[in-house]
């Protein structure tokens, strides 16, 4: 039912001549800069070695229905590995845990803006 509602929403938006971008957010476990923490999380949830397992159904739905899709998890992880930065968590929380922090929101907004620019043919 959720998939049908999403596809209907996309069609309605597109019928108005508007671009639609489906964005999958990251989980702090997917994009933690420490590979041991990422590995441990995969063991706990028993999904093999795919850090992006949770994003795959949305990607498949988008692909099958011609919906523009962006998963921010992959670029978040690439940036976390390269910089060692956490894109989730705040000083009063566990490090790299919970919601996007300032750096995470900034990176996500850059990724979305870049993709929307591409989608709209800018």
PDB file of N, CA and C in Angstrom:
ATOM      1  N   UNK A   1       0.823  -1.183   0.000  1.00  0.00           N
ATOM      2  CA  UNK A   1       0.000   0.000   0.000  1.00  0.00           C
ATOM      3  C   UNK A   1       0.876   1.259   0.000  1.00  0.00           C
ATOM      4  N   UNK A   2       1.938   1.247   0.797  1.00  0.00           N
ATOM      5  CA  UNK A   2       2.830   2.403   0.846  1.00  0.00           C
ATOM      6  C   UNK A   2       3.431   2.675  -0.526  1.00  0.00           C
ATOM      7  N   UNK A   3       3.850   1.607  -1.205  1.00  0.00           N
ATOM      8  CA  UNK A   3       4.433   1.776  -2.534  1.00  0.00           C
ATOM      9  C   UNK A   3       3.425   2.381  -3.502  1.00  0.00           C
ATOM     10  N   UNK A   4       2.188   1.895  -3.472  1.00  0.00           N
ATOM     11  CA  UNK A   4       1.153   2.418  -4.364  1.00  0.00           C
ATOM     12  C   UNK A   4       0.884   3.891  -4.070  1.00  0.00           C
ATOM     13  N   UNK A   5       0.837   4.253  -2.808  1.00  0.00           N
ATOM     14  CA  UNK A   5       0.614   5.659  -2.445  1.00  0.00           C
ATOM     15  C   UNK A   5       1.775   6.540  -2.906  1.00  0.00           C
ATOM     16  N   UNK A   6       2.969   6.043  -2.755  1.00  0.00           N
ATOM     17  CA  UNK A   6       4.143   6.806  -3.174  1.00  0.00           C
ATOM     18  C   UNK A   6       4.138   7.014  -4.685  1.00  0.00           C
ATOM     19  N   UNK A   7       3.884   5.967  -5.430  1.00  0.00           N
ATOM     20  CA  UNK A   7       3.846   6.080  -6.891  1.00  0.00           C
ATOM     21  C   UNK A   7       2.733   7.042  -7.313  1.00  0.00           C
ATOM     22  N   UNK A   8       1.585   6.972  -6.655  1.00  0.00           N
ATOM     23  CA  UNK A   8       0.489   7.891  -6.969  1.00  0.00           C
ATOM     24  C   UNK A   8       0.896   9.337  -6.682  1.00  0.00           C
ATOM     25  N   UNK A   9       1.563   9.558  -5.561  1.00  0.00           N
ATOM     26  CA  UNK A   9       2.037  10.901  -5.223  1.00  0.00           C
ATOM     27  C   UNK A   9       2.992  11.427  -6.284  1.00  0.00           C
ATOM     28  N   UNK A  10       3.935  10.596  -6.691  1.00  0.00           N
ATOM     29  CA  UNK A  10       4.901  11.001  -7.712  1.00  0.00           C
ATOM     30  C   UNK A  10       4.179  11.370  -9.007  1.00  0.00           C
ATOM     31  N   UNK A  11       3.240  10.537  -9.417  1.00  0.00           N
ATOM     32  CA  UNK A  11       2.502  10.811 -10.659  1.00  0.00           C
ATOM     33  C   UNK A  11       1.737  12.130 -10.577  1.00  0.00           C
ATOM     34  N   UNK A  12       1.134  12.390  -9.440  1.00  0.00           N
ATOM     35  CA  UNK A  12       0.396  13.650  -9.268  1.00  0.00           C
ATOM     36  C   UNK A  12       1.336  14.855  -9.349  1.00  0.00           C
ATOM     37  N   UNK A  13       2.471  14.748  -8.696  1.00  0.00           N
ATOM     38  CA  UNK A  13       3.453  15.842  -8.728  1.00  0.00           C
ATOM     39  C   UNK A  13       3.936  16.055 -10.157  1.00  0.00           C
ATOM     40  N   UNK A  14       4.267  14.972 -10.840  1.00  0.00           N
ATOM     41  CA  UNK A  14       4.769  15.076 -12.212  1.00  0.00           C
ATOM     42  C   UNK A  14       3.700  15.596 -13.168  1.00  0.00           C
ATOM     43  N   UNK A  15       2.431  15.270 -12.913  1.00  0.00           N
ATOM     44  CA  UNK A  15       1.355  15.759 -13.789  1.00  0.00           C
ATOM     45  C   UNK A  15       1.212  17.270 -13.707  1.00  0.00           C
ATOM     46  N   UNK A  16       1.739  17.851 -12.630  1.00  0.00           N
ATOM     47  CA  UNK A  16       1.740  19.306 -12.459  1.00  0.00           C
ATOM     48  C   UNK A  16       2.991  19.944 -13.059  1.00  0.00           C
ATOM     49  N   UNK A  17       3.808  19.118 -13.717  1.00  0.00           N
ATOM     50  CA  UNK A  17       5.020  19.631 -14.335  1.00  0.00           C
ATOM     51  C   UNK A  17       6.157  19.853 -13.358  1.00  0.00           C
ATOM     52  N   UNK A  18       6.106  19.209 -12.224  1.00  0.00           N
ATOM     53  CA  UNK A  18       7.123  19.380 -11.194  1.00  0.00           C
ATOM     54  C   UNK A  18       8.046  18.164 -11.134  1.00  0.00           C
ATOM     55  N   UNK A  19       9.256  18.421 -10.688  1.00  0.00           N
ATOM     56  CA  UNK A  19      10.221  17.338 -10.479  1.00  0.00           C
ATOM     57  C   UNK A  19       9.969  16.712  -9.116  1.00  0.00           C
ATOM     58  N   UNK A  20      10.221  15.427  -9.020  1.00  0.00           N
ATOM     59  CA  UNK A  20      10.086  14.712  -7.749  1.00  0.00           C
ATOM     60  C   UNK A  20      11.360  13.927  -7.516  1.00  0.00           C
ATOM     61  N   UNK A  21      11.894  14.033  -6.327  1.00  0.00           N
ATOM     62  CA  UNK A  21      13.089  13.299  -5.957  1.00  0.00           C
ATOM     63  C   UNK A  21      12.804  12.553  -4.663  1.00  0.00           C
ATOM     64  N   UNK A  22      12.903  11.243  -4.720  1.00  0.00           N
ATOM     65  CA  UNK A  22      12.746  10.397  -3.542  1.00  0.00           C
ATOM     66  C   UNK A  22      14.114  10.266  -2.883  1.00  0.00           C
ATOM     67  N   UNK A  23      14.212  10.676  -1.625  1.00  0.00           N
ATOM     68  CA  UNK A  23      15.488  10.672  -0.918  1.00  0.00           C
ATOM     69  C   UNK A  23      15.421   9.696   0.246  1.00  0.00           C
ATOM     70  N   UNK A  24      16.398   8.794   0.300  1.00  0.00           N
ATOM     71  CA  UNK A  24      16.539   7.884   1.437  1.00  0.00           C
ATOM     72  C   UNK A  24      17.595   8.452   2.372  1.00  0.00           C
ATOM     73  N   UNK A  25      17.212   8.692   3.604  1.00  0.00           N
ATOM     74  CA  UNK A  25      18.138   9.221   4.604  1.00  0.00           C
ATOM     75  C   UNK A  25      19.076   8.116   5.082  1.00  0.00           C
ATOM     76  N   UNK A  26      20.100   8.525   5.785  1.00  0.00           N
ATOM     77  CA  UNK A  26      21.059   7.558   6.322  1.00  0.00           C
ATOM     78  C   UNK A  26      20.720   7.219   7.764  1.00  0.00           C
ATOM     79  N   UNK A  27      21.167   6.059   8.178  1.00  0.00           N
ATOM     80  CA  UNK A  27      21.146   5.656   9.579  1.00  0.00           C
ATOM     81  C   UNK A  27      22.556   5.860  10.121  1.00  0.00           C
ATOM     82  N   UNK A  28      22.653   6.232  11.377  1.00  0.00           N
ATOM     83  CA  UNK A  28      23.984   6.461  11.944  1.00  0.00           C
ATOM     84  C   UNK A  28      24.837   5.200  11.896  1.00  0.00           C
ATOM     85  N   UNK A  29      24.216   4.044  11.897  1.00  0.00           N
ATOM     86  CA  UNK A  29      24.974   2.792  11.820  1.00  0.00           C
ATOM     87  C   UNK A  29      25.582   2.577  10.433  1.00  0.00           C
ATOM     88  N   UNK A  30      24.899   3.044   9.416  1.00  0.00           N
ATOM     89  CA  UNK A  30      25.384   2.867   8.043  1.00  0.00           C
ATOM     90  C   UNK A  30      26.621   3.696   7.754  1.00  0.00           C
ATOM     91  N   UNK A  31      26.723   4.845   8.383  1.00  0.00           N
ATOM     92  CA  UNK A  31      27.726   5.827   7.968  1.00  0.00           C
ATOM     93  C   UNK A  31      28.712   6.178   9.083  1.00  0.00           C
ATOM     94  N   UNK A  32      28.799   5.323  10.060  1.00  0.00           N
ATOM     95  CA  UNK A  32      29.742   5.565  11.161  1.00  0.00           C
ATOM     96  C   UNK A  32      31.161   5.473  10.606  1.00  0.00           C
ATOM     97  N   UNK A  33      32.050   6.402  10.987  1.00  0.00           N
ATOM     98  CA  UNK A  33      33.413   6.353  10.442  1.00  0.00           C
ATOM     99  C   UNK A  33      34.230   5.146  10.920  1.00  0.00           C
ATOM    100  N   UNK A  34      33.817   4.495  11.999  1.00  0.00           N
ATOM    101  CA  UNK A  34      34.553   3.343  12.529  1.00  0.00           C
ATOM    102  C   UNK A  34      34.040   2.054  11.880  1.00  0.00           C
ATOM    103  N   UNK A  35      34.870   1.362  11.095  1.00  0.00           N
ATOM    104  CA  UNK A  35      34.405   0.152  10.404  1.00  0.00           C
ATOM    105  C   UNK A  35      33.972  -0.964  11.350  1.00  0.00           C
ATOM    106  N   UNK A  36      34.538  -1.010  12.537  1.00  0.00           N
ATOM    107  CA  UNK A  36      34.138  -2.053  13.497  1.00  0.00           C
ATOM    108  C   UNK A  36      32.708  -1.835  13.985  1.00  0.00           C
ATOM    109  N   UNK A  37      32.324  -0.604  14.186  1.00  0.00           N
ATOM    110  CA  UNK A  37      30.952  -0.303  14.610  1.00  0.00           C
ATOM    111  C   UNK A  37      29.987  -0.653  13.485  1.00  0.00           C
ATOM    112  N   UNK A  38      30.345  -0.332  12.249  1.00  0.00           N
ATOM    113  CA  UNK A  38      29.477  -0.699  11.115  1.00  0.00           C
ATOM    114  C   UNK A  38      29.361  -2.214  11.003  1.00  0.00           C
ATOM    115  N   UNK A  39      30.479  -2.916  11.123  1.00  0.00           N
ATOM    116  CA  UNK A  39      30.471  -4.379  11.018  1.00  0.00           C
ATOM    117  C   UNK A  39      29.611  -4.998  12.114  1.00  0.00           C
ATOM    118  N   UNK A  40      29.751  -4.499  13.335  1.00  0.00           N
ATOM    119  CA  UNK A  40      28.986  -5.032  14.462  1.00  0.00           C
ATOM    120  C   UNK A  40      27.483  -4.860  14.225  1.00  0.00           C
ATOM    121  N   UNK A  41      27.101  -3.715  13.716  1.00  0.00           N
ATOM    122  CA  UNK A  41      25.673  -3.456  13.453  1.00  0.00           C
ATOM    123  C   UNK A  41      25.133  -4.452  12.424  1.00  0.00           C
ATOM    124  N   UNK A  42      25.910  -4.739  11.401  1.00  0.00           N
ATOM    125  CA  UNK A  42      25.465  -5.712  10.402  1.00  0.00           C
ATOM    126  C   UNK A  42      25.286  -7.094  11.021  1.00  0.00           C
ATOM    127  N   UNK A  43      26.161  -7.445  11.946  1.00  0.00           N
ATOM    128  CA  UNK A  43      26.014  -8.729  12.635  1.00  0.00           C
ATOM    129  C   UNK A  43      24.745  -8.760  13.477  1.00  0.00           C
ATOM    130  N   UNK A  44      24.445  -7.672  14.158  1.00  0.00           N
ATOM    131  CA  UNK A  44      23.278  -7.609  15.034  1.00  0.00           C
ATOM    132  C   UNK A  44      21.986  -7.762  14.233  1.00  0.00           C
ATOM    133  N   UNK A  45      21.904  -7.105  13.096  1.00  0.00           N
ATOM    134  CA  UNK A  45      20.660  -7.147  12.315  1.00  0.00           C
ATOM    135  C   UNK A  45      20.655  -8.252  11.270  1.00  0.00           C
ATOM    136  N   UNK A  46      21.767  -8.963  11.142  1.00  0.00           N
ATOM    137  CA  UNK A  46      21.870 -10.151  10.280  1.00  0.00           C
ATOM    138  C   UNK A  46      21.424  -9.901   8.844  1.00  0.00           C
ATOM    139  N   UNK A  47      22.029  -8.900   8.210  1.00  0.00           N
ATOM    140  CA  UNK A  47      21.727  -8.622   6.803  1.00  0.00           C
ATOM    141  C   UNK A  47      22.934  -8.845   5.911  1.00  0.00           C
ATOM    142  N   UNK A  48      23.863  -9.643   6.364  1.00  0.00           N
ATOM    143  CA  UNK A  48      25.050  -9.910   5.561  1.00  0.00           C
ATOM    144  C   UNK A  48      26.050  -8.782   5.672  1.00  0.00           C
ATOM    145  N   UNK A  49      26.570  -8.352   4.522  1.00  0.00           N
ATOM    146  CA  UNK A  49      27.601  -7.310   4.518  1.00  0.00           C
ATOM    147  C   UNK A  49      27.144  -6.026   3.824  1.00  0.00           C
ATOM    148  N   UNK A  50      25.862  -5.901   3.580  1.00  0.00           N
ATOM    149  CA  UNK A  50      25.330  -4.760   2.834  1.00  0.00           C
ATOM    150  C   UNK A  50      24.881  -3.651   3.789  1.00  0.00           C
ATOM    151  N   UNK A  51      25.699  -2.622   3.912  1.00  0.00           N
ATOM    152  CA  UNK A  51      25.344  -1.493   4.770  1.00  0.00           C
ATOM    153  C   UNK A  51      24.115  -0.740   4.268  1.00  0.00           C
ATOM    154  N   UNK A  52      23.805  -0.932   3.022  1.00  0.00           N
ATOM    155  CA  UNK A  52      22.708  -0.176   2.416  1.00  0.00           C
ATOM    156  C   UNK A  52      21.479  -1.040   2.168  1.00  0.00           C
ATOM    157  N   UNK A  53      21.404  -2.162   2.845  1.00  0.00           N
ATOM    158  CA  UNK A  53      20.292  -3.108   2.722  1.00  0.00           C
ATOM    159  C   UNK A  53      18.935  -2.409   2.830  1.00  0.00           C
ATOM    160  N   UNK A  54      18.808  -1.482   3.761  1.00  0.00           N
ATOM    161  CA  UNK A  54      17.533  -0.825   4.023  1.00  0.00           C
ATOM    162  C   UNK A  54      17.132   0.115   2.892  1.00  0.00           C
ATOM    163  N   UNK A  55      18.081   0.549   2.111  1.00  0.00           N
ATOM    164  CA  UNK A  55      17.789   1.480   1.022  1.00  0.00           C
ATOM    165  C   UNK A  55      17.377   0.754  -0.260  1.00  0.00           C
ATOM    166  N   UNK A  56      17.698  -0.508  -0.372  1.00  0.00           N
ATOM    167  CA  UNK A  56      17.463  -1.261  -1.617  1.00  0.00           C
ATOM    168  C   UNK A  56      16.000  -1.312  -2.045  1.00  0.00           C
ATOM    169  N   UNK A  57      15.046  -1.555  -1.140  1.00  0.00           N
ATOM    170  CA  UNK A  57      13.648  -1.581  -1.598  1.00  0.00           C
ATOM    171  C   UNK A  57      13.183  -0.259  -2.206  1.00  0.00           C
ATOM    172  N   UNK A  58      13.609   0.854  -1.622  1.00  0.00           N
ATOM    173  CA  UNK A  58      13.245   2.153  -2.200  1.00  0.00           C
ATOM    174  C   UNK A  58      13.903   2.353  -3.557  1.00  0.00           C
ATOM    175  N   UNK A  59      15.158   1.971  -3.665  1.00  0.00           N
ATOM    176  CA  UNK A  59      15.860   2.094  -4.942  1.00  0.00           C
ATOM    177  C   UNK A  59      15.167   1.259  -6.012  1.00  0.00           C
ATOM    178  N   UNK A  60      14.757   0.058  -5.658  1.00  0.00           N
ATOM    179  CA  UNK A  60      14.072  -0.814  -6.611  1.00  0.00           C
ATOM    180  C   UNK A  60      12.719  -0.246  -7.009  1.00  0.00           C
ATOM    181  N   UNK A  61      11.966   0.250  -6.041  1.00  0.00           N
ATOM    182  CA  UNK A  61      10.676   0.881  -6.341  1.00  0.00           C
ATOM    183  C   UNK A  61      10.873   2.048  -7.290  1.00  0.00           C
ATOM    184  N   UNK A  62      11.852   2.874  -7.012  1.00  0.00           N
ATOM    185  CA  UNK A  62      12.122   4.032  -7.865  1.00  0.00           C
ATOM    186  C   UNK A  62      12.506   3.591  -9.269  1.00  0.00           C
ATOM    187  N   UNK A  63      13.386   2.619  -9.355  1.00  0.00           N
ATOM    188  CA  UNK A  63      13.845   2.132 -10.657  1.00  0.00           C
ATOM    189  C   UNK A  63      12.693   1.560 -11.478  1.00  0.00           C
ATOM    190  N   UNK A  64      11.840   0.786 -10.862  1.00  0.00           N
ATOM    191  CA  UNK A  64      10.720   0.141 -11.570  1.00  0.00           C
ATOM    192  C   UNK A  64       9.653   1.137 -12.012  1.00  0.00           C
ATOM    193  N   UNK A  65       9.625   2.307 -11.371  1.00  0.00           N
ATOM    194  CA  UNK A  65       8.568   3.271 -11.663  1.00  0.00           C
ATOM    195  C   UNK A  65       9.073   4.589 -12.243  1.00  0.00           C
ATOM    196  N   UNK A  66      10.339   4.611 -12.634  1.00  0.00           N
ATOM    197  CA  UNK A  66      10.880   5.820 -13.254  1.00  0.00           C
ATOM    198  C   UNK A  66      10.933   7.018 -12.318  1.00  0.00           C
ATOM    199  N   UNK A  67      11.177   6.764 -11.051  1.00  0.00           N
ATOM    200  CA  UNK A  67      11.237   7.827 -10.047  1.00  0.00           C
ATOM    201  C   UNK A  67      12.704   8.169  -9.789  1.00  0.00           C
ATOM    202  N   UNK A  68      13.012   9.449  -9.803  1.00  0.00           N
ATOM    203  CA  UNK A  68      14.365   9.881  -9.452  1.00  0.00           C
ATOM    204  C   UNK A  68      14.612   9.542  -7.991  1.00  0.00           C
ATOM    205  N   UNK A  69      15.768   8.953  -7.703  1.00  0.00           N
ATOM    206  CA  UNK A  69      16.055   8.463  -6.355  1.00  0.00           C
ATOM    207  C   UNK A  69      17.463   8.856  -5.946  1.00  0.00           C
ATOM    208  N   UNK A  70      17.590   9.233  -4.689  1.00  0.00           N
ATOM    209  CA  UNK A  70      18.889   9.556  -4.117  1.00  0.00           C
ATOM    210  C   UNK A  70      18.996   8.913  -2.742  1.00  0.00           C
ATOM    211  N   UNK A  71      19.983   8.084  -2.570  1.00  0.00           N
ATOM    212  CA  UNK A  71      20.333   7.560  -1.259  1.00  0.00           C
ATOM    213  C   UNK A  71      21.536   8.352  -0.782  1.00  0.00           C
ATOM    214  N   UNK A  72      21.397   9.049   0.325  1.00  0.00           N
ATOM    215  CA  UNK A  72      22.519   9.846   0.822  1.00  0.00           C
ATOM    216  C   UNK A  72      23.519   9.001   1.611  1.00  0.00           C
ATOM    217  N   UNK A  73      23.160   7.779   1.922  1.00  0.00           N
ATOM    218  CA  UNK A  73      24.021   6.937   2.762  1.00  0.00           C
ATOM    219  C   UNK A  73      25.395   6.694   2.159  1.00  0.00           C
ATOM    220  N   UNK A  74      25.432   6.387   0.881  1.00  0.00           N
ATOM    221  CA  UNK A  74      26.719   6.079   0.245  1.00  0.00           C
ATOM    222  C   UNK A  74      27.674   7.272   0.290  1.00  0.00           C
ATOM    223  N   UNK A  75      27.241   8.460  -0.134  1.00  0.00           N
ATOM    224  CA  UNK A  75      28.165   9.595  -0.033  1.00  0.00           C
ATOM    225  C   UNK A  75      28.475   9.986   1.417  1.00  0.00           C
ATOM    226  N   UNK A  76      27.529   9.790   2.327  1.00  0.00           N
ATOM    227  CA  UNK A  76      27.821  10.037   3.742  1.00  0.00           C
ATOM    228  C   UNK A  76      28.953   9.126   4.199  1.00  0.00           C
ATOM    229  N   UNK A  77      28.856   7.834   3.869  1.00  0.00           N
ATOM    230  CA  UNK A  77      29.885   6.890   4.290  1.00  0.00           C
ATOM    231  C   UNK A  77      31.229   7.230   3.658  1.00  0.00           C
ATOM    232  N   UNK A  78      31.241   7.545   2.376  1.00  0.00           N
ATOM    233  CA  UNK A  78      32.491   7.917   1.719  1.00  0.00           C
ATOM    234  C   UNK A  78      33.144   9.107   2.425  1.00  0.00           C
ATOM    235  N   UNK A  79      32.341  10.104   2.753  1.00  0.00           N
ATOM    236  CA  UNK A  79      32.855  11.291   3.442  1.00  0.00           C
ATOM    237  C   UNK A  79      33.321  10.964   4.863  1.00  0.00           C
ATOM    238  N   UNK A  80      32.584  10.103   5.553  1.00  0.00           N
ATOM    239  CA  UNK A  80      32.966   9.728   6.922  1.00  0.00           C
ATOM    240  C   UNK A  80      34.282   8.970   6.934  1.00  0.00           C
ATOM    241  N   UNK A  81      34.454   8.074   5.980  1.00  0.00           N
ATOM    242  CA  UNK A  81      35.703   7.309   5.899  1.00  0.00           C
ATOM    243  C   UNK A  81      36.870   8.232   5.568  1.00  0.00           C
ATOM    244  N   UNK A  82      36.661   9.120   4.603  1.00  0.00           N
ATOM    245  CA  UNK A  82      37.732  10.021   4.179  1.00  0.00           C
ATOM    246  C   UNK A  82      38.111  11.024   5.277  1.00  0.00           C
ATOM    247  N   UNK A  83      37.098  11.584   5.958  1.00  0.00           N
ATOM    248  CA  UNK A  83      37.363  12.671   6.901  1.00  0.00           C
ATOM    249  C   UNK A  83      37.403  12.229   8.365  1.00  0.00           C
ATOM    250  N   UNK A  84      36.802  11.060   8.656  1.00  0.00           N
ATOM    251  CA  UNK A  84      36.682  10.628  10.047  1.00  0.00           C
ATOM    252  C   UNK A  84      35.583  11.349  10.805  1.00  0.00           C
ATOM    253  N   UNK A  85      34.812  12.163  10.094  1.00  0.00           N
ATOM    254  CA  UNK A  85      33.744  12.945  10.721  1.00  0.00           C
ATOM    255  C   UNK A  85      32.495  12.114  10.950  1.00  0.00           C
ATOM    256  N   UNK A  86      31.749  12.521  11.965  1.00  0.00           N
ATOM    257  CA  UNK A  86      30.429  11.950  12.215  1.00  0.00           C
ATOM    258  C   UNK A  86      29.380  12.894  11.643  1.00  0.00           C
ATOM    259  N   UNK A  87      28.427  12.338  10.945  1.00  0.00           N
ATOM    260  CA  UNK A  87      27.348  13.146  10.367  1.00  0.00           C
ATOM    261  C   UNK A  87      26.048  12.992  11.146  1.00  0.00           C
ATOM    262  N   UNK A  88      26.109  12.194  12.181  1.00  0.00           N
ATOM    263  CA  UNK A  88      24.992  12.018  13.109  1.00  0.00           C
ATOM    264  C   UNK A  88      25.507  12.328  14.505  1.00  0.00           C
ATOM    265  N   UNK A  89      24.619  12.771  15.376  1.00  0.00           N
ATOM    266  CA  UNK A  89      24.966  12.947  16.779  1.00  0.00           C
ATOM    267  C   UNK A  89      25.320  14.370  17.149  1.00  0.00           C
ATOM    268  N   UNK A  90      25.189  14.625  18.443  1.00  0.00           N
ATOM    269  CA  UNK A  90      25.410  15.952  19.013  1.00  0.00           C
ATOM    270  C   UNK A  90      26.272  15.822  20.257  1.00  0.00           C
ATOM    271  N   UNK A  91      26.859  16.920  20.728  1.00  0.00           N
ATOM    272  CA  UNK A  91      27.745  16.849  21.895  1.00  0.00           C
ATOM    273  C   UNK A  91      27.094  16.230  23.140  1.00  0.00           C
ATOM    274  N   UNK A  92      25.797  16.391  23.308  1.00  0.00           N
ATOM    275  CA  UNK A  92      25.128  15.867  24.497  1.00  0.00           C
ATOM    276  C   UNK A  92      24.598  14.442  24.292  1.00  0.00           C
ATOM    277  N   UNK A  93      25.071  13.768  23.237  1.00  0.00           N
ATOM    278  CA  UNK A  93      24.641  12.404  22.924  1.00  0.00           C
ATOM    279  C   UNK A  93      25.871  11.523  22.745  1.00  0.00           C
ATOM    280  N   UNK A  94      25.615  10.250  22.473  1.00  0.00           N
ATOM    281  CA  UNK A  94      26.713   9.371  22.101  1.00  0.00           C
ATOM    282  C   UNK A  94      27.327   9.863  20.793  1.00  0.00           C
ATOM    283  N   UNK A  95      28.629   9.767  20.636  1.00  0.00           N
ATOM    284  CA  UNK A  95      29.257  10.227  19.392  1.00  0.00           C
ATOM    285  C   UNK A  95      28.704   9.464  18.179  1.00  0.00           C
ATOM    286  N   UNK A  96      28.440  10.178  17.129  1.00  0.00           N
ATOM    287  CA  UNK A  96      28.011   9.592  15.843  1.00  0.00           C
ATOM    288  C   UNK A  96      26.687   8.849  15.943  1.00  0.00           C
ATOM    289  N   UNK A  97      25.824   9.202  16.863  1.00  0.00           N
ATOM    290  CA  UNK A  97      24.586   8.471  17.108  1.00  0.00           C
ATOM    291  C   UNK A  97      23.385   9.393  16.927  1.00  0.00           C
ATOM    292  N   UNK A  98      22.287   8.828  16.494  1.00  0.00           N
ATOM    293  CA  UNK A  98      21.030   9.576  16.430  1.00  0.00           C
ATOM    294  C   UNK A  98      20.839  10.340  15.137  1.00  0.00           C
ATOM    295  N   UNK A  99      20.236  11.495  15.267  1.00  0.00           N
ATOM    296  CA  UNK A  99      19.858  12.320  14.109  1.00  0.00           C
ATOM    297  C   UNK A  99      21.066  12.970  13.448  1.00  0.00           C
ATOM    298  N   UNK A 100      20.831  13.483  12.233  1.00  0.00           N
ATOM    299  CA  UNK A 100      21.887  14.233  11.555  1.00  0.00           C
ATOM    300  C   UNK A 100      22.277  15.431  12.406  1.00  0.00           C
ATOM    301  N   UNK A 101      23.555  15.684  12.462  1.00  0.00           N
ATOM    302  CA  UNK A 101      24.038  16.895  13.115  1.00  0.00           C
ATOM    303  C   UNK A 101      24.180  17.986  12.047  1.00  0.00           C
ATOM    304  N   UNK A 102      24.807  19.096  12.423  1.00  0.00           N
ATOM    305  CA  UNK A 102      24.971  20.212  11.485  1.00  0.00           C
ATOM    306  C   UNK A 102      25.691  19.763  10.213  1.00  0.00           C
ATOM    307  N   UNK A 103      26.783  18.998  10.366  1.00  0.00           N
ATOM    308  CA  UNK A 103      27.538  18.537   9.195  1.00  0.00           C
ATOM    309  C   UNK A 103      26.694  17.599   8.332  1.00  0.00           C
ATOM    310  N   UNK A 104      25.906  16.744   8.975  1.00  0.00           N
ATOM    311  CA  UNK A 104      25.044  15.829   8.232  1.00  0.00           C
ATOM    312  C   UNK A 104      23.967  16.570   7.457  1.00  0.00           C
ATOM    313  N   UNK A 105      23.346  17.541   8.100  1.00  0.00           N
ATOM    314  CA  UNK A 105      22.305  18.315   7.404  1.00  0.00           C
ATOM    315  C   UNK A 105      22.903  19.113   6.247  1.00  0.00           C
ATOM    316  N   UNK A 106      24.100  19.641   6.447  1.00  0.00           N
ATOM    317  CA  UNK A 106      24.753  20.412   5.383  1.00  0.00           C
ATOM    318  C   UNK A 106      25.090  19.502   4.201  1.00  0.00           C
ATOM    319  N   UNK A 107      25.643  18.331   4.477  1.00  0.00           N
ATOM    320  CA  UNK A 107      25.986  17.405   3.395  1.00  0.00           C
ATOM    321  C   UNK A 107      24.728  16.931   2.679  1.00  0.00           C
ATOM    322  N   UNK A 108      23.704  16.576   3.432  1.00  0.00           N
ATOM    323  CA  UNK A 108      22.453  16.116   2.817  1.00  0.00           C
ATOM    324  C   UNK A 108      21.850  17.207   1.936  1.00  0.00           C
ATOM    325  N   UNK A 109      21.843  18.430   2.409  1.00  0.00           N
ATOM    326  CA  UNK A 109      21.259  19.500   1.604  1.00  0.00           C
ATOM    327  C   UNK A 109      22.070  19.735   0.332  1.00  0.00           C
ATOM    328  N   UNK A 110      23.387  19.649   0.419  1.00  0.00           N
ATOM    329  CA  UNK A 110      24.215  19.788  -0.787  1.00  0.00           C
ATOM    330  C   UNK A 110      23.899  18.676  -1.795  1.00  0.00           C
ATOM    331  N   UNK A 111      23.780  17.454  -1.301  1.00  0.00           N
ATOM    332  CA  UNK A 111      23.494  16.319  -2.191  1.00  0.00           C
ATOM    333  C   UNK A 111      22.124  16.464  -2.848  1.00  0.00           C
ATOM    334  N   UNK A 112      21.132  16.870  -2.072  1.00  0.00           N
ATOM    335  CA  UNK A 112      19.776  17.023  -2.616  1.00  0.00           C
ATOM    336  C   UNK A 112      19.731  18.158  -3.627  1.00  0.00           C
ATOM    337  N   UNK A 113      20.324  19.291  -3.290  1.00  0.00           N
ATOM    338  CA  UNK A 113      20.320  20.433  -4.217  1.00  0.00           C
ATOM    339  C   UNK A 113      21.016  20.057  -5.523  1.00  0.00           C
ATOM    340  N   UNK A 114      22.175  19.406  -5.424  1.00  0.00           N
ATOM    341  CA  UNK A 114      22.893  18.995  -6.630  1.00  0.00           C
ATOM    342  C   UNK A 114      22.024  18.072  -7.481  1.00  0.00           C
ATOM    343  N   UNK A 115      21.369  17.107  -6.838  1.00  0.00           N
ATOM    344  CA  UNK A 115      20.557  16.150  -7.589  1.00  0.00           C
ATOM    345  C   UNK A 115      19.324  16.817  -8.203  1.00  0.00           C
ATOM    346  N   UNK A 116      18.678  17.704  -7.447  1.00  0.00           N
ATOM    347  CA  UNK A 116      17.511  18.411  -7.992  1.00  0.00           C
ATOM    348  C   UNK A 116      17.913  19.280  -9.177  1.00  0.00           C
ATOM    349  N   UNK A 117      19.075  19.872  -9.087  1.00  0.00           N
ATOM    350  CA  UNK A 117      19.582  20.659 -10.203  1.00  0.00           C
ATOM    351  C   UNK A 117      19.717  19.774 -11.439  1.00  0.00           C
ATOM    352  N   UNK A 118      20.240  18.561 -11.252  1.00  0.00           N
ATOM    353  CA  UNK A 118      20.374  17.602 -12.354  1.00  0.00           C
ATOM    354  C   UNK A 118      19.011  17.172 -12.883  1.00  0.00           C
ATOM    355  N   UNK A 119      18.080  16.876 -11.957  1.00  0.00           N
ATOM    356  CA  UNK A 119      16.746  16.402 -12.340  1.00  0.00           C
ATOM    357  C   UNK A 119      16.013  17.451 -13.157  1.00  0.00           C
ATOM    358  N   UNK A 120      16.155  18.695 -12.771  1.00  0.00           N
ATOM    359  CA  UNK A 120      15.446  19.775 -13.449  1.00  0.00           C
ATOM    360  C   UNK A 120      16.156  20.225 -14.714  1.00  0.00           C
ATOM    361  N   UNK A 121      17.322  19.626 -14.980  1.00  0.00           N
ATOM    362  CA  UNK A 121      18.034  19.975 -16.213  1.00  0.00           C
ATOM    363  C   UNK A 121      18.779  21.283 -16.127  1.00  0.00           C
ATOM    364  N   UNK A 122      19.210  21.643 -14.911  1.00  0.00           N
ATOM    365  CA  UNK A 122      19.902  22.924 -14.688  1.00  0.00           C
ATOM    366  C   UNK A 122      21.252  22.868 -15.220  1.00  0.00           C
TER     367      UNK A 122
END
